[in-house]
Each structure stands twice: as structure tokens, then as C-alpha cells.
């Protein structure tokens, strides 16, 4: 009795499965473990993003920033390697942020347009598994991008520094925290895209980032306000979004100041917590979203 009614849905699901198979992911209609499903979707996402020209554009942009840093170092008489140090970290942050925001914001919208998200309506893949797989794939690209840029960055520093004196554990922690920051940005972009369009997700993610890197200034501004309502609003804004100041070591890297292990641990836990929360909220919203 129910077979004629379910046939159109099965045909749509079959089409989605065929599309995923044609994109390199073999989906079996059989019981599958959670991690295998997520890794299968992540592998396809990783390969797709690597074929996207956005990755190469960010590498070019970062290369230009590295070049500007080297040029600027030639125009100063005080520790040119420190100029490259600051410019290089900025280049890596921009490159990873560019990837995280643009790809993360359009990732789900692209799947809805291609109708491949409909595969999440069939077993054994659910929408949440599909979402996690997409995020893991994007995270893999961000990690790869960070490693490649960091390797080139350290090579440039090695050439310009005197005996490698500029290298420190603080620099290594700074590179790690920049990677965590990009993952938080990606999770934030995916969250916004789960209930809005790609363009709106880009703007909301970028706006949240701008506020997030100025949380301490917003709290200071709140203390100077006479209105209790304005103070409450500013404090709420500063507390309800990710504080990206946790991932910016700033002058500590420039001058090689030591970093307490407690700070690194707190930043890692803080970033991981935000990623988990954003993925949880994204999954809930995606489950309620119409295809």
C-alpha cells in the first residue's frame, strides 16, 4: 500500500546516491558505523575543495603578503626578521580565515542546490553525519593549508634570521592557535549557513570575527557607559560570541615571551567547546531545514 507513495522519494534518494558515487564516494546501503560514514563524506569534501581554485588563490595572496613582509624588512634597520615574523602570521591568519569563511559559508548551500543533501534522508546517512563529514573535510583542508604556509613561513624566517634566534616555542604555539581559530571560523560559517544563504553567512561570520577580536575593547567600552541597558547589551554581545583574542598571541610572538601552559590549554579547550556547540546547533537547524 505504501510502496507507490514512497517510490518518488526512493527515486530522488537513488539520484542523490548516484551523484555522490560519481563524485568519488562509494555509499553502501548497509549498516555502517558512524565514523566510516563521516570519513567517507569528509574524503569527498576534501578532494572537492582541493580542486577548487579558492585554495590556490589563498596561497597566492599569502605569497604576496610574505613578499611584502620581506620587502618591508629591507626598509627597516631594526631586526628585519621581526617584520617578516609579524607579516607572516598575518598572512597565515588571512589565508585560513579566507578559506574557512568562504568555503564554510557556501558548503551546505552548494549541496542543497545539487540536491545531494537528499542522501541524508536515506539510511544509513543522516543529515548530522553528512554535516560532520563536510566539516571534517573542510577542517582537513584548513590543516593542510596551515602546514604548507607554516613550512614556507618558517623557511623564510630561517633565511632572514640570524642563527635562528627568532625561533621560539611561542611561535609554534601561535601557529597552532591560528589553526584552531580557522576551525572555529569554519564552524561559525557552517552554523550561519545552516539557516541562511551563503552570502549572508559570509557577512555574519566576518562580522562576528571582527567583534570577536575586539571583545576586550567592547567590555572596556561597556564599563564607560552610563546606561545600565547599554552596558548589559555590550557585555552580552562580548560574552555570546567566540572571543578570538584567545588565539592571538600578538606581541608575545614578536618578542619571544614565554607562554604559560595553562593559557594554551585554556585556548584549546575554549576553541574545541565552541566548535562542538556550533556543530550541535548546526545539526539541529539542519534537521529542521526543508530540502
C-alpha atoms as a PDB file:
ATOM      1  CA  UNK A   1       0.000   0.000   0.000  1.00  0.00           C
ATOM      2  CA  UNK A   2       2.784   2.432   0.883  1.00  0.00           C
ATOM      3  CA  UNK A   3       5.108   1.436  -1.959  1.00  0.00           C
ATOM      4  CA  UNK A   4       3.606   3.722  -4.661  1.00  0.00           C
ATOM      5  CA  UNK A   5       3.833   6.718  -2.312  1.00  0.00           C
ATOM      6  CA  UNK A   6       7.430   6.066  -1.339  1.00  0.00           C
ATOM      7  CA  UNK A   7       8.650   5.468  -4.892  1.00  0.00           C
ATOM      8  CA  UNK A   8       9.312   9.159  -5.761  1.00  0.00           C
ATOM      9  CA  UNK A   9      11.331   9.611  -2.596  1.00  0.00           C
ATOM     10  CA  UNK A  10      13.313   6.473  -3.355  1.00  0.00           C
ATOM     11  CA  UNK A  11      13.992   7.724  -6.868  1.00  0.00           C
ATOM     12  CA  UNK A  12      15.267  11.046  -5.501  1.00  0.00           C
ATOM     13  CA  UNK A  13      17.444   9.244  -2.971  1.00  0.00           C
ATOM     14  CA  UNK A  14      18.787   6.975  -5.677  1.00  0.00           C
ATOM     15  CA  UNK A  15      19.670  10.009  -7.784  1.00  0.00           C
ATOM     16  CA  UNK A  16      21.482  11.581  -4.834  1.00  0.00           C
ATOM     17  CA  UNK A  17      23.346   8.360  -4.144  1.00  0.00           C
ATOM     18  CA  UNK A  18      24.361   8.143  -7.786  1.00  0.00           C
ATOM     19  CA  UNK A  19      25.619  11.737  -7.646  1.00  0.00           C
ATOM     20  CA  UNK A  20      27.745  11.042  -4.585  1.00  0.00           C
ATOM     21  CA  UNK A  21      29.097   7.869  -6.166  1.00  0.00           C
ATOM     22  CA  UNK A  22      30.023   9.802  -9.300  1.00  0.00           C
ATOM     23  CA  UNK A  23      31.921  12.272  -7.082  1.00  0.00           C
ATOM     24  CA  UNK A  24      34.112   9.544  -5.676  1.00  0.00           C
ATOM     25  CA  UNK A  25      32.266   8.322  -2.579  1.00  0.00           C
ATOM     26  CA  UNK A  26      31.043   4.771  -2.531  1.00  0.00           C
ATOM     27  CA  UNK A  27      27.848   4.659  -0.469  1.00  0.00           C
ATOM     28  CA  UNK A  28      26.641   1.241   0.521  1.00  0.00           C
ATOM     29  CA  UNK A  29      23.068   0.620   1.610  1.00  0.00           C
ATOM     30  CA  UNK A  30      24.073  -1.436   4.592  1.00  0.00           C
ATOM     31  CA  UNK A  31      24.649  -0.788   8.288  1.00  0.00           C
ATOM     32  CA  UNK A  32      27.679   1.442   8.652  1.00  0.00           C
ATOM     33  CA  UNK A  33      29.469   2.810  11.661  1.00  0.00           C
ATOM     34  CA  UNK A  34      29.329   6.498  12.435  1.00  0.00           C
ATOM     35  CA  UNK A  35      32.998   7.211  11.811  1.00  0.00           C
ATOM     36  CA  UNK A  36      33.058   5.405   8.456  1.00  0.00           C
ATOM     37  CA  UNK A  37      30.151   7.464   7.146  1.00  0.00           C
ATOM     38  CA  UNK A  38      31.710  10.719   8.359  1.00  0.00           C
ATOM     39  CA  UNK A  39      35.107   9.852   6.899  1.00  0.00           C
ATOM     40  CA  UNK A  40      33.551   8.903   3.552  1.00  0.00           C
ATOM     41  CA  UNK A  41      31.818  12.288   3.266  1.00  0.00           C
ATOM     42  CA  UNK A  42      34.948  14.042   4.570  1.00  0.00           C
ATOM     43  CA  UNK A  43      37.119  12.397   1.914  1.00  0.00           C
ATOM     44  CA  UNK A  44      34.872  13.613  -0.896  1.00  0.00           C
ATOM     45  CA  UNK A  45      34.681  17.126   0.588  1.00  0.00           C
ATOM     46  CA  UNK A  46      38.461  17.265   0.982  1.00  0.00           C
ATOM     47  CA  UNK A  47      39.012  16.256  -2.626  1.00  0.00           C
ATOM     48  CA  UNK A  48      36.422  18.725  -3.909  1.00  0.00           C
ATOM     49  CA  UNK A  49      37.940  21.673  -2.072  1.00  0.00           C
ATOM     50  CA  UNK A  50      41.427  20.780  -3.301  1.00  0.00           C
ATOM     51  CA  UNK A  51      40.077  21.003  -6.846  1.00  0.00           C
ATOM     52  CA  UNK A  52      38.625  24.420  -6.088  1.00  0.00           C
ATOM     53  CA  UNK A  53      40.613  27.446  -7.264  1.00  0.00           C
ATOM     54  CA  UNK A  54      39.972  29.202  -3.953  1.00  0.00           C
ATOM     55  CA  UNK A  55      42.765  27.185  -2.359  1.00  0.00           C
ATOM     56  CA  UNK A  56      45.280  28.370  -4.938  1.00  0.00           C
ATOM     57  CA  UNK A  57      44.095  31.951  -4.653  1.00  0.00           C
ATOM     58  CA  UNK A  58      44.733  31.989  -0.915  1.00  0.00           C
ATOM     59  CA  UNK A  59      48.206  30.585  -1.457  1.00  0.00           C
ATOM     60  CA  UNK A  60      48.916  33.366  -3.956  1.00  0.00           C
ATOM     61  CA  UNK A  61      47.564  36.010  -1.592  1.00  0.00           C
ATOM     62  CA  UNK A  62      49.661  34.657   1.258  1.00  0.00           C
ATOM     63  CA  UNK A  63      52.717  34.566  -1.005  1.00  0.00           C
ATOM     64  CA  UNK A  64      52.184  38.222  -1.823  1.00  0.00           C
ATOM     65  CA  UNK A  65      51.926  39.066   1.862  1.00  0.00           C
ATOM     66  CA  UNK A  66      55.123  37.152   2.535  1.00  0.00           C
ATOM     67  CA  UNK A  67      56.753  39.156  -0.258  1.00  0.00           C
ATOM     68  CA  UNK A  68      55.523  42.423   1.197  1.00  0.00           C
ATOM     69  CA  UNK A  69      56.923  41.377   4.554  1.00  0.00           C
ATOM     70  CA  UNK A  70      60.327  40.642   3.053  1.00  0.00           C
ATOM     71  CA  UNK A  71      60.269  43.965   1.178  1.00  0.00           C
ATOM     72  CA  UNK A  72      59.275  45.837   4.322  1.00  0.00           C
ATOM     73  CA  UNK A  73      62.102  44.148   6.211  1.00  0.00           C
ATOM     74  CA  UNK A  74      64.574  45.631   3.727  1.00  0.00           C
ATOM     75  CA  UNK A  75      63.323  49.119   4.536  1.00  0.00           C
ATOM     76  CA  UNK A  76      63.929  48.904   8.266  1.00  0.00           C
ATOM     77  CA  UNK A  77      67.180  48.990  10.192  1.00  0.00           C
ATOM     78  CA  UNK A  78      65.884  47.241  13.315  1.00  0.00           C
ATOM     79  CA  UNK A  79      65.551  43.451  13.192  1.00  0.00           C
ATOM     80  CA  UNK A  80      64.050  42.877   9.709  1.00  0.00           C
ATOM     81  CA  UNK A  81      63.271  39.302  10.694  1.00  0.00           C
ATOM     82  CA  UNK A  82      60.722  40.605  13.209  1.00  0.00           C
ATOM     83  CA  UNK A  83      58.883  42.420  10.415  1.00  0.00           C
ATOM     84  CA  UNK A  84      58.642  39.182   8.451  1.00  0.00           C
ATOM     85  CA  UNK A  85      57.557  37.440  11.641  1.00  0.00           C
ATOM     86  CA  UNK A  86      54.518  39.701  12.034  1.00  0.00           C
ATOM     87  CA  UNK A  87      53.643  39.805   8.341  1.00  0.00           C
ATOM     88  CA  UNK A  88      53.874  36.028   8.054  1.00  0.00           C
ATOM     89  CA  UNK A  89      51.478  35.360  10.918  1.00  0.00           C
ATOM     90  CA  UNK A  90      49.051  37.860   9.402  1.00  0.00           C
ATOM     91  CA  UNK A  91      49.294  36.116   6.035  1.00  0.00           C
ATOM     92  CA  UNK A  92      48.542  32.709   7.536  1.00  0.00           C
ATOM     93  CA  UNK A  93      45.606  34.110   9.520  1.00  0.00           C
ATOM     94  CA  UNK A  94      44.141  35.790   6.426  1.00  0.00           C
ATOM     95  CA  UNK A  95      44.608  32.724   4.246  1.00  0.00           C
ATOM     96  CA  UNK A  96      42.987  30.341   6.707  1.00  0.00           C
ATOM     97  CA  UNK A  97      40.230  32.810   7.533  1.00  0.00           C
ATOM     98  CA  UNK A  98      39.521  33.352   3.845  1.00  0.00           C
ATOM     99  CA  UNK A  99      39.195  29.615   3.265  1.00  0.00           C
ATOM    100  CA  UNK A 100      37.148  28.955   6.389  1.00  0.00           C
ATOM    101  CA  UNK A 101      34.618  31.733   5.804  1.00  0.00           C
ATOM    102  CA  UNK A 102      34.100  31.438   2.052  1.00  0.00           C
ATOM    103  CA  UNK A 103      34.072  27.661   1.744  1.00  0.00           C
ATOM    104  CA  UNK A 104      32.313  27.064   5.050  1.00  0.00           C
ATOM    105  CA  UNK A 105      29.553  29.527   4.188  1.00  0.00           C
ATOM    106  CA  UNK A 106      28.836  28.052   0.757  1.00  0.00           C
ATOM    107  CA  UNK A 107      29.398  24.389   1.502  1.00  0.00           C
ATOM    108  CA  UNK A 108      25.862  23.467   2.581  1.00  0.00           C
ATOM    109  CA  UNK A 109      24.199  25.781   0.068  1.00  0.00           C
ATOM    110  CA  UNK A 110      26.031  24.009  -2.739  1.00  0.00           C
ATOM    111  CA  UNK A 111      24.826  20.635  -1.534  1.00  0.00           C
ATOM    112  CA  UNK A 112      21.224  21.842  -1.369  1.00  0.00           C
ATOM    113  CA  UNK A 113      21.488  23.223  -4.886  1.00  0.00           C
ATOM    114  CA  UNK A 114      22.891  19.939  -6.184  1.00  0.00           C
ATOM    115  CA  UNK A 115      20.265  18.016  -4.183  1.00  0.00           C
ATOM    116  CA  UNK A 116      22.972  15.696  -2.869  1.00  0.00           C
ATOM    117  CA  UNK A 117      21.877  16.568   0.664  1.00  0.00           C
ATOM    118  CA  UNK A 118      18.850  14.371  -0.024  1.00  0.00           C
ATOM    119  CA  UNK A 119      21.071  11.373   0.551  1.00  0.00           C
ATOM    120  CA  UNK A 120      20.907  12.345   4.227  1.00  0.00           C
ATOM    121  CA  UNK A 121      17.222  11.442   4.167  1.00  0.00           C
ATOM    122  CA  UNK A 122      18.077   7.820   3.492  1.00  0.00           C
ATOM    123  CA  UNK A 123      19.758   5.274   5.695  1.00  0.00           C
ATOM    124  CA  UNK A 124      22.486   4.863   6.834  1.00  0.00           C
ATOM    125  CA  UNK A 125      23.467   8.533   6.349  1.00  0.00           C
ATOM    126  CA  UNK A 126      21.731  11.183   8.413  1.00  0.00           C
ATOM    127  CA  UNK A 127      21.943  14.931   7.975  1.00  0.00           C
ATOM    128  CA  UNK A 128      24.082  15.307  11.073  1.00  0.00           C
ATOM    129  CA  UNK A 129      26.540  12.700   9.808  1.00  0.00           C
ATOM    130  CA  UNK A 130      26.630  14.464   6.465  1.00  0.00           C
ATOM    131  CA  UNK A 131      27.240  17.791   8.215  1.00  0.00           C
ATOM    132  CA  UNK A 132      30.056  16.411  10.366  1.00  0.00           C
ATOM    133  CA  UNK A 133      31.656  14.796   7.337  1.00  0.00           C
ATOM    134  CA  UNK A 134      31.602  18.074   5.430  1.00  0.00           C
ATOM    135  CA  UNK A 135      33.144  19.910   8.379  1.00  0.00           C
ATOM    136  CA  UNK A 136      35.866  17.293   8.865  1.00  0.00           C
ATOM    137  CA  UNK A 137      36.731  17.541   5.173  1.00  0.00           C
ATOM    138  CA  UNK A 138      36.940  21.323   5.371  1.00  0.00           C
ATOM    139  CA  UNK A 139      38.990  21.044   8.557  1.00  0.00           C
ATOM    140  CA  UNK A 140      41.431  18.754   6.756  1.00  0.00           C
ATOM    141  CA  UNK A 141      41.938  21.356   4.037  1.00  0.00           C
ATOM    142  CA  UNK A 142      42.491  24.076   6.637  1.00  0.00           C
ATOM    143  CA  UNK A 143      45.075  21.932   8.431  1.00  0.00           C
ATOM    144  CA  UNK A 144      46.842  21.202   5.139  1.00  0.00           C
ATOM    145  CA  UNK A 145      46.809  24.873   4.213  1.00  0.00           C
ATOM    146  CA  UNK A 146      48.230  25.794   7.632  1.00  0.00           C
ATOM    147  CA  UNK A 147      51.015  23.227   7.375  1.00  0.00           C
ATOM    148  CA  UNK A 148      52.064  24.317   3.880  1.00  0.00           C
ATOM    149  CA  UNK A 149      52.040  28.014   4.726  1.00  0.00           C
ATOM    150  CA  UNK A 150      53.777  27.446   8.054  1.00  0.00           C
ATOM    151  CA  UNK A 151      56.533  25.459   6.344  1.00  0.00           C
ATOM    152  CA  UNK A 152      57.151  28.263   3.829  1.00  0.00           C
ATOM    153  CA  UNK A 153      56.903  30.838   6.581  1.00  0.00           C
ATOM    154  CA  UNK A 154      59.477  29.117   8.772  1.00  0.00           C
ATOM    155  CA  UNK A 155      61.774  28.699   5.781  1.00  0.00           C
ATOM    156  CA  UNK A 156      61.678  32.434   5.073  1.00  0.00           C
ATOM    157  CA  UNK A 157      62.321  33.165   8.742  1.00  0.00           C
ATOM    158  CA  UNK A 158      65.230  30.751   8.727  1.00  0.00           C
ATOM    159  CA  UNK A 159      66.838  32.581   5.818  1.00  0.00           C
ATOM    160  CA  UNK A 160      66.358  36.052   7.311  1.00  0.00           C
ATOM    161  CA  UNK A 161      67.007  35.353  10.988  1.00  0.00           C
ATOM    162  CA  UNK A 162      70.453  35.376  12.484  1.00  0.00           C
ATOM    163  CA  UNK A 163      71.262  31.844  13.543  1.00  0.00           C
ATOM    164  CA  UNK A 164      67.589  31.021  14.063  1.00  0.00           C
ATOM    165  CA  UNK A 165      67.450  33.224  17.149  1.00  0.00           C
ATOM    166  CA  UNK A 166      63.904  34.314  16.346  1.00  0.00           C
ATOM    167  CA  UNK A 167      62.511  30.801  16.643  1.00  0.00           C
ATOM    168  CA  UNK A 168      60.802  30.019  19.924  1.00  0.00           C
ATOM    169  CA  UNK A 169      58.135  27.799  21.403  1.00  0.00           C
ATOM    170  CA  UNK A 170      55.850  30.836  21.436  1.00  0.00           C
ATOM    171  CA  UNK A 171      55.973  30.932  17.637  1.00  0.00           C
ATOM    172  CA  UNK A 172      54.964  27.280  17.470  1.00  0.00           C
ATOM    173  CA  UNK A 173      52.034  27.850  19.821  1.00  0.00           C
ATOM    174  CA  UNK A 174      50.987  30.880  17.780  1.00  0.00           C
ATOM    175  CA  UNK A 175      50.833  28.792  14.591  1.00  0.00           C
ATOM    176  CA  UNK A 176      48.815  26.116  16.403  1.00  0.00           C
ATOM    177  CA  UNK A 177      46.314  28.626  17.778  1.00  0.00           C
ATOM    178  CA  UNK A 178      45.872  30.188  14.346  1.00  0.00           C
ATOM    179  CA  UNK A 179      44.869  26.753  13.101  1.00  0.00           C
ATOM    180  CA  UNK A 180      42.341  26.390  15.914  1.00  0.00           C
ATOM    181  CA  UNK A 181      40.990  29.847  15.118  1.00  0.00           C
ATOM    182  CA  UNK A 182      40.390  28.840  11.497  1.00  0.00           C
ATOM    183  CA  UNK A 183      38.449  25.759  12.636  1.00  0.00           C
ATOM    184  CA  UNK A 184      36.259  27.911  14.889  1.00  0.00           C
ATOM    185  CA  UNK A 185      35.655  30.277  11.968  1.00  0.00           C
ATOM    186  CA  UNK A 186      34.716  27.329   9.756  1.00  0.00           C
ATOM    187  CA  UNK A 187      32.271  26.020  12.358  1.00  0.00           C
ATOM    188  CA  UNK A 188      30.804  29.504  12.689  1.00  0.00           C
ATOM    189  CA  UNK A 189      30.375  29.799   8.919  1.00  0.00           C
ATOM    190  CA  UNK A 190      28.691  26.382   8.725  1.00  0.00           C
ATOM    191  CA  UNK A 191      26.378  27.364  11.580  1.00  0.00           C
ATOM    192  CA  UNK A 192      25.222  30.546   9.846  1.00  0.00           C
ATOM    193  CA  UNK A 193      24.822  28.744   6.528  1.00  0.00           C
ATOM    194  CA  UNK A 194      22.548  26.153   8.155  1.00  0.00           C
ATOM    195  CA  UNK A 195      19.725  28.703   8.357  1.00  0.00           C
ATOM    196  CA  UNK A 196      20.659  31.412   5.836  1.00  0.00           C
ATOM    197  CA  UNK A 197      22.077  31.922   2.377  1.00  0.00           C
ATOM    198  CA  UNK A 198      25.777  31.701   1.576  1.00  0.00           C
ATOM    199  CA  UNK A 199      26.198  35.466   1.128  1.00  0.00           C
ATOM    200  CA  UNK A 200      24.509  36.240   4.438  1.00  0.00           C
ATOM    201  CA  UNK A 201      26.604  33.574   6.157  1.00  0.00           C
ATOM    202  CA  UNK A 202      29.785  35.222   4.857  1.00  0.00           C
ATOM    203  CA  UNK A 203      28.745  38.632   6.167  1.00  0.00           C
ATOM    204  CA  UNK A 204      27.589  37.312   9.545  1.00  0.00           C
ATOM    205  CA  UNK A 205      30.741  35.237  10.023  1.00  0.00           C
ATOM    206  CA  UNK A 206      33.016  38.134   9.108  1.00  0.00           C
ATOM    207  CA  UNK A 207      31.063  40.499  11.359  1.00  0.00           C
ATOM    208  CA  UNK A 208      31.271  38.050  14.252  1.00  0.00           C
ATOM    209  CA  UNK A 209      35.013  37.717  13.703  1.00  0.00           C
ATOM    210  CA  UNK A 210      35.519  41.490  13.753  1.00  0.00           C
ATOM    211  CA  UNK A 211      33.613  41.706  17.030  1.00  0.00           C
ATOM    212  CA  UNK A 212      35.363  38.631  18.414  1.00  0.00           C
ATOM    213  CA  UNK A 213      38.850  40.082  18.001  1.00  0.00           C
ATOM    214  CA  UNK A 214      37.774  43.174  19.948  1.00  0.00           C
ATOM    215  CA  UNK A 215      35.955  41.603  22.891  1.00  0.00           C
ATOM    216  CA  UNK A 216      38.196  43.212  25.489  1.00  0.00           C
ATOM    217  CA  UNK A 217      37.641  46.662  23.937  1.00  0.00           C
ATOM    218  CA  UNK A 218      33.883  46.087  23.921  1.00  0.00           C
ATOM    219  CA  UNK A 219      33.951  45.205  27.622  1.00  0.00           C
ATOM    220  CA  UNK A 220      36.006  48.319  28.363  1.00  0.00           C
ATOM    221  CA  UNK A 221      33.534  50.379  26.373  1.00  0.00           C
ATOM    222  CA  UNK A 222      30.671  48.874  28.369  1.00  0.00           C
ATOM    223  CA  UNK A 223      32.276  49.979  31.639  1.00  0.00           C
ATOM    224  CA  UNK A 224      32.347  53.581  30.409  1.00  0.00           C
ATOM    225  CA  UNK A 225      28.636  53.688  29.624  1.00  0.00           C
ATOM    226  CA  UNK A 226      26.237  55.437  31.987  1.00  0.00           C
ATOM    227  CA  UNK A 227      23.214  53.436  30.863  1.00  0.00           C
ATOM    228  CA  UNK A 228      22.815  50.063  32.533  1.00  0.00           C
ATOM    229  CA  UNK A 229      20.927  48.811  29.488  1.00  0.00           C
ATOM    230  CA  UNK A 230      23.762  49.718  27.118  1.00  0.00           C
ATOM    231  CA  UNK A 231      26.258  48.107  29.477  1.00  0.00           C
ATOM    232  CA  UNK A 232      24.211  44.935  29.583  1.00  0.00           C
ATOM    233  CA  UNK A 233      23.870  44.789  25.811  1.00  0.00           C
ATOM    234  CA  UNK A 234      27.599  45.280  25.224  1.00  0.00           C
ATOM    235  CA  UNK A 235      28.529  42.711  27.863  1.00  0.00           C
ATOM    236  CA  UNK A 236      26.066  40.242  26.366  1.00  0.00           C
ATOM    237  CA  UNK A 237      27.494  40.724  22.878  1.00  0.00           C
ATOM    238  CA  UNK A 238      31.066  40.237  24.123  1.00  0.00           C
ATOM    239  CA  UNK A 239      30.106  37.096  26.031  1.00  0.00           C
ATOM    240  CA  UNK A 240      27.808  35.421  23.498  1.00  0.00           C
ATOM    241  CA  UNK A 241      30.238  35.160  20.576  1.00  0.00           C
ATOM    242  CA  UNK A 242      33.624  33.449  20.250  1.00  0.00           C
ATOM    243  CA  UNK A 243      36.427  35.522  21.715  1.00  0.00           C
ATOM    244  CA  UNK A 244      39.144  35.251  19.066  1.00  0.00           C
ATOM    245  CA  UNK A 245      41.607  37.048  21.307  1.00  0.00           C
ATOM    246  CA  UNK A 246      42.268  33.609  22.833  1.00  0.00           C
ATOM    247  CA  UNK A 247      44.036  32.644  19.592  1.00  0.00           C
ATOM    248  CA  UNK A 248      46.119  35.784  19.070  1.00  0.00           C
ATOM    249  CA  UNK A 249      49.426  35.915  20.913  1.00  0.00           C
ATOM    250  CA  UNK A 250      50.325  39.307  19.427  1.00  0.00           C
ATOM    251  CA  UNK A 251      53.442  40.914  20.864  1.00  0.00           C
ATOM    252  CA  UNK A 252      54.314  37.761  22.782  1.00  0.00           C
ATOM    253  CA  UNK A 253      55.384  36.211  19.478  1.00  0.00           C
ATOM    254  CA  UNK A 254      57.231  39.317  18.293  1.00  0.00           C
ATOM    255  CA  UNK A 255      59.410  39.436  21.391  1.00  0.00           C
ATOM    256  CA  UNK A 256      59.511  35.709  22.087  1.00  0.00           C
ATOM    257  CA  UNK A 257      57.859  35.980  25.504  1.00  0.00           C
ATOM    258  CA  UNK A 258      57.079  32.676  27.221  1.00  0.00           C
ATOM    259  CA  UNK A 259      53.510  31.367  27.256  1.00  0.00           C
ATOM    260  CA  UNK A 260      52.054  29.592  30.261  1.00  0.00           C
ATOM    261  CA  UNK A 261      50.827  26.042  29.536  1.00  0.00           C
ATOM    262  CA  UNK A 262      47.553  26.930  31.279  1.00  0.00           C
ATOM    263  CA  UNK A 263      46.864  29.608  28.651  1.00  0.00           C
ATOM    264  CA  UNK A 264      47.438  27.180  25.772  1.00  0.00           C
ATOM    265  CA  UNK A 265      45.266  24.526  27.394  1.00  0.00           C
ATOM    266  CA  UNK A 266      42.512  27.044  28.088  1.00  0.00           C
ATOM    267  CA  UNK A 267      42.585  28.291  24.499  1.00  0.00           C
ATOM    268  CA  UNK A 268      42.437  24.766  23.076  1.00  0.00           C
ATOM    269  CA  UNK A 269      39.532  23.793  25.324  1.00  0.00           C
ATOM    270  CA  UNK A 270      37.792  27.080  24.569  1.00  0.00           C
ATOM    271  CA  UNK A 271      38.100  26.588  20.817  1.00  0.00           C
ATOM    272  CA  UNK A 272      37.044  22.932  20.962  1.00  0.00           C
ATOM    273  CA  UNK A 273      33.999  23.820  23.050  1.00  0.00           C
ATOM    274  CA  UNK A 274      32.851  26.430  20.560  1.00  0.00           C
ATOM    275  CA  UNK A 275      33.333  24.020  17.659  1.00  0.00           C
ATOM    276  CA  UNK A 276      31.272  21.337  19.378  1.00  0.00           C
ATOM    277  CA  UNK A 277      28.500  23.784  20.290  1.00  0.00           C
ATOM    278  CA  UNK A 278      28.331  25.278  16.808  1.00  0.00           C
ATOM    279  CA  UNK A 279      28.231  21.833  15.189  1.00  0.00           C
ATOM    280  CA  UNK A 280      25.495  20.761  17.597  1.00  0.00           C
ATOM    281  CA  UNK A 281      23.362  23.819  16.832  1.00  0.00           C
ATOM    282  CA  UNK A 282      24.053  23.444  13.100  1.00  0.00           C
ATOM    283  CA  UNK A 283      22.927  19.834  13.199  1.00  0.00           C
ATOM    284  CA  UNK A 284      19.692  20.718  14.963  1.00  0.00           C
ATOM    285  CA  UNK A 285      18.939  23.503  12.479  1.00  0.00           C
ATOM    286  CA  UNK A 286      19.831  21.327   9.515  1.00  0.00           C
ATOM    287  CA  UNK A 287      17.493  18.588  10.671  1.00  0.00           C
ATOM    288  CA  UNK A 288      14.630  21.105  10.680  1.00  0.00           C
ATOM    289  CA  UNK A 289      15.545  22.690   7.381  1.00  0.00           C
ATOM    290  CA  UNK A 290      13.473  21.801   4.343  1.00  0.00           C
ATOM    291  CA  UNK A 291      15.292  20.445   1.338  1.00  0.00           C
END
